[in-house]
Amino acid sequence: MGMIRSLLKLAVSKPATIGYPNQMTPPERGIRGTPVLILDRCDLTAACEAACPTGAIQIAKGESGGGSWQIDYGGCIFCGACIQACPEAAIVASDAFELAIRRREDAIVTHTFGGGA
């Protein structure tokens, strides 16, 4: 009798999962998504690079004053240390949290700055 009762309970209960990705629930309030660079605020001080506990952020300064800012989302733990460390508030947390990719190199985002940045 216990087996029949269990089966009946399963038959009338609602599913525990949703039909993802066709059905999506909004992220919970306060979620910290991917760190995103606001290009016109960044002055390549490298405070974010120094604060990153995993080394996911790399900054390369060029001889002419330009350079590049790179983040590897495969190494990022979304801790927010880079956001707090940036003196120019050039890094913000987005609401993006789905990071499925087909190739490892797609997890690396690079921004290049000209000589005046």
C-alpha atoms as a PDB file:
ATOM      1  CA  MET A   1       0.000   0.000   0.000  1.00  0.00           C
ATOM      2  CA  GLY A   2       2.903   2.362   0.684  1.00  0.00           C
ATOM      3  CA  MET A   3       4.111   2.078  -2.913  1.00  0.00           C
ATOM      4  CA  ILE A   4       0.694   2.987  -4.333  1.00  0.00           C
ATOM      5  CA  ARG A   5       0.421   5.970  -1.994  1.00  0.00           C
ATOM      6  CA  SER A   6       3.868   7.201  -3.119  1.00  0.00           C
ATOM      7  CA  LEU A   7       2.964   6.861  -6.791  1.00  0.00           C
ATOM      8  CA  LEU A   8      -0.333   8.700  -6.305  1.00  0.00           C
ATOM      9  CA  LYS A   9       1.467  11.490  -4.471  1.00  0.00           C
ATOM     10  CA  LEU A  10       3.896  11.858  -7.385  1.00  0.00           C
ATOM     11  CA  ALA A  11       1.056  11.851  -9.904  1.00  0.00           C
ATOM     12  CA  VAL A  12      -0.731  14.823  -8.322  1.00  0.00           C
ATOM     13  CA  SER A  13       2.292  16.895  -7.282  1.00  0.00           C
ATOM     14  CA  LYS A  14       3.682  19.752  -9.360  1.00  0.00           C
ATOM     15  CA  PRO A  15       7.050  19.319 -11.099  1.00  0.00           C
ATOM     16  CA  ALA A  16      10.075  20.367  -9.078  1.00  0.00           C
ATOM     17  CA  THR A  17      11.833  21.811 -12.130  1.00  0.00           C
ATOM     18  CA  ILE A  18      10.952  24.274 -14.868  1.00  0.00           C
ATOM     19  CA  GLY A  19      11.229  23.918 -18.647  1.00  0.00           C
ATOM     20  CA  TYR A  20      14.562  25.732 -18.865  1.00  0.00           C
ATOM     21  CA  PRO A  21      15.633  27.419 -21.158  1.00  0.00           C
ATOM     22  CA  ASN A  22      12.163  27.913 -22.681  1.00  0.00           C
ATOM     23  CA  GLN A  23      10.835  28.968 -19.281  1.00  0.00           C
ATOM     24  CA  MET A  24      13.068  31.157 -17.178  1.00  0.00           C
ATOM     25  CA  THR A  25      12.639  32.543 -13.725  1.00  0.00           C
ATOM     26  CA  PRO A  26      14.113  35.977 -13.078  1.00  0.00           C
ATOM     27  CA  PRO A  27      17.351  35.999 -11.078  1.00  0.00           C
ATOM     28  CA  GLU A  28      17.036  36.587  -7.372  1.00  0.00           C
ATOM     29  CA  ARG A  29      17.319  40.150  -6.163  1.00  0.00           C
ATOM     30  CA  GLY A  30      20.870  41.193  -5.385  1.00  0.00           C
ATOM     31  CA  ILE A  31      22.542  38.659  -7.656  1.00  0.00           C
ATOM     32  CA  ARG A  32      26.002  39.676  -8.772  1.00  0.00           C
ATOM     33  CA  GLY A  33      26.536  38.807 -12.412  1.00  0.00           C
ATOM     34  CA  THR A  34      29.561  39.234 -14.603  1.00  0.00           C
ATOM     35  CA  PRO A  35      31.884  42.192 -14.032  1.00  0.00           C
ATOM     36  CA  VAL A  36      31.642  44.554 -17.010  1.00  0.00           C
ATOM     37  CA  LEU A  37      34.042  47.354 -17.916  1.00  0.00           C
ATOM     38  CA  ILE A  38      32.735  50.847 -18.669  1.00  0.00           C
ATOM     39  CA  LEU A  39      35.317  51.821 -21.264  1.00  0.00           C
ATOM     40  CA  ASP A  40      35.201  55.611 -20.966  1.00  0.00           C
ATOM     41  CA  ARG A  41      35.842  55.477 -17.207  1.00  0.00           C
ATOM     42  CA  CYS A  42      38.832  53.114 -17.235  1.00  0.00           C
ATOM     43  CA  ASP A  43      42.295  54.664 -16.916  1.00  0.00           C
ATOM     44  CA  LEU A  44      44.172  51.325 -16.658  1.00  0.00           C
ATOM     45  CA  THR A  45      45.374  51.934 -13.091  1.00  0.00           C
ATOM     46  CA  ALA A  46      45.368  48.149 -12.587  1.00  0.00           C
ATOM     47  CA  ALA A  47      43.741  48.306  -9.145  1.00  0.00           C
ATOM     48  CA  CYS A  48      41.229  45.718 -10.349  1.00  0.00           C
ATOM     49  CA  GLU A  49      44.005  43.416 -11.538  1.00  0.00           C
ATOM     50  CA  ALA A  50      45.740  43.614  -8.154  1.00  0.00           C
ATOM     51  CA  ALA A  51      42.478  42.972  -6.281  1.00  0.00           C
ATOM     52  CA  CYS A  52      41.416  39.919  -8.325  1.00  0.00           C
ATOM     53  CA  PRO A  53      42.071  36.823  -6.181  1.00  0.00           C
ATOM     54  CA  THR A  54      42.194  34.457  -9.168  1.00  0.00           C
ATOM     55  CA  GLY A  55      44.137  36.572 -11.656  1.00  0.00           C
ATOM     56  CA  ALA A  56      41.192  36.634 -14.057  1.00  0.00           C
ATOM     57  CA  ILE A  57      41.859  40.288 -14.930  1.00  0.00           C
ATOM     58  CA  GLN A  58      44.951  41.208 -16.908  1.00  0.00           C
ATOM     59  CA  ILE A  59      46.024  44.724 -17.851  1.00  0.00           C
ATOM     60  CA  ALA A  60      48.700  45.506 -20.390  1.00  0.00           C
ATOM     61  CA  LYS A  61      49.868  49.108 -20.738  1.00  0.00           C
ATOM     62  CA  GLY A  62      51.259  50.226 -24.069  1.00  0.00           C
ATOM     63  CA  GLU A  63      54.231  52.535 -24.528  1.00  0.00           C
ATOM     64  CA  SER A  64      52.115  55.245 -26.180  1.00  0.00           C
ATOM     65  CA  GLY A  65      49.666  55.467 -23.266  1.00  0.00           C
ATOM     66  CA  GLY A  66      47.165  52.919 -24.583  1.00  0.00           C
ATOM     67  CA  GLY A  67      46.776  49.347 -23.511  1.00  0.00           C
ATOM     68  CA  SER A  68      44.295  46.580 -22.962  1.00  0.00           C
ATOM     69  CA  TRP A  69      42.010  45.286 -20.224  1.00  0.00           C
ATOM     70  CA  GLN A  70      41.123  41.612 -20.293  1.00  0.00           C
ATOM     71  CA  ILE A  71      38.897  39.420 -18.157  1.00  0.00           C
ATOM     72  CA  ASP A  72      38.689  35.644 -18.249  1.00  0.00           C
ATOM     73  CA  TYR A  73      35.189  34.701 -17.119  1.00  0.00           C
ATOM     74  CA  GLY A  74      36.385  31.111 -16.853  1.00  0.00           C
ATOM     75  CA  GLY A  75      38.641  32.164 -13.984  1.00  0.00           C
ATOM     76  CA  CYS A  76      36.372  34.810 -12.446  1.00  0.00           C
ATOM     77  CA  ILE A  77      34.604  33.808  -9.218  1.00  0.00           C
ATOM     78  CA  PHE A  78      32.294  36.863  -9.286  1.00  0.00           C
ATOM     79  CA  CYS A  79      33.461  38.026  -5.877  1.00  0.00           C
ATOM     80  CA  GLY A  80      33.216  41.741  -6.697  1.00  0.00           C
ATOM     81  CA  ALA A  81      36.742  42.602  -5.499  1.00  0.00           C
ATOM     82  CA  CYS A  82      37.518  44.289  -8.825  1.00  0.00           C
ATOM     83  CA  ILE A  83      34.376  46.411  -8.565  1.00  0.00           C
ATOM     84  CA  GLN A  84      35.293  47.598  -5.074  1.00  0.00           C
ATOM     85  CA  ALA A  85      38.943  48.229  -5.955  1.00  0.00           C
ATOM     86  CA  CYS A  86      38.410  50.370  -9.063  1.00  0.00           C
ATOM     87  CA  PRO A  87      38.975  54.040  -8.139  1.00  0.00           C
ATOM     88  CA  GLU A  88      37.126  55.221 -11.262  1.00  0.00           C
ATOM     89  CA  ALA A  89      34.039  52.989 -10.794  1.00  0.00           C
ATOM     90  CA  ALA A  90      34.798  51.616 -14.263  1.00  0.00           C
ATOM     91  CA  ILE A  91      33.680  48.077 -13.408  1.00  0.00           C
ATOM     92  CA  VAL A  92      30.091  47.259 -12.591  1.00  0.00           C
ATOM     93  CA  ALA A  93      28.238  44.022 -11.935  1.00  0.00           C
ATOM     94  CA  SER A  94      25.849  43.116 -14.707  1.00  0.00           C
ATOM     95  CA  ASP A  95      22.800  40.939 -14.310  1.00  0.00           C
ATOM     96  CA  ALA A  96      24.265  38.350 -16.719  1.00  0.00           C
ATOM     97  CA  PHE A  97      24.905  35.022 -15.075  1.00  0.00           C
ATOM     98  CA  GLU A  98      24.446  32.493 -17.874  1.00  0.00           C
ATOM     99  CA  LEU A  99      27.871  31.904 -19.344  1.00  0.00           C
ATOM    100  CA  ALA A 100      27.500  28.824 -21.525  1.00  0.00           C
ATOM    101  CA  ILE A 101      30.083  28.786 -24.302  1.00  0.00           C
ATOM    102  CA  ARG A 102      31.248  26.314 -26.922  1.00  0.00           C
ATOM    103  CA  ARG A 103      34.935  27.235 -26.940  1.00  0.00           C
ATOM    104  CA  ARG A 104      37.187  28.081 -23.991  1.00  0.00           C
ATOM    105  CA  GLU A 105      38.543  31.212 -25.689  1.00  0.00           C
ATOM    106  CA  ASP A 106      35.016  32.666 -25.809  1.00  0.00           C
ATOM    107  CA  ALA A 107      35.226  33.159 -22.031  1.00  0.00           C
ATOM    108  CA  ILE A 108      37.944  35.794 -22.495  1.00  0.00           C
ATOM    109  CA  VAL A 109      36.892  39.373 -23.205  1.00  0.00           C
ATOM    110  CA  THR A 110      39.476  41.984 -24.188  1.00  0.00           C
ATOM    111  CA  HIS A 111      39.082  45.758 -24.524  1.00  0.00           C
ATOM    112  CA  THR A 112      41.824  47.711 -26.258  1.00  0.00           C
ATOM    113  CA  PHE A 113      42.486  51.377 -25.566  1.00  0.00           C
ATOM    114  CA  GLY A 114      44.161  53.859 -27.897  1.00  0.00           C
ATOM    115  CA  GLY A 115      47.087  56.128 -27.012  1.00  0.00           C
ATOM    116  CA  GLY A 116      44.865  58.644 -25.203  1.00  0.00           C
ATOM    117  CA  ALA A 117      43.237  56.283 -22.733  1.00  0.00           C
END
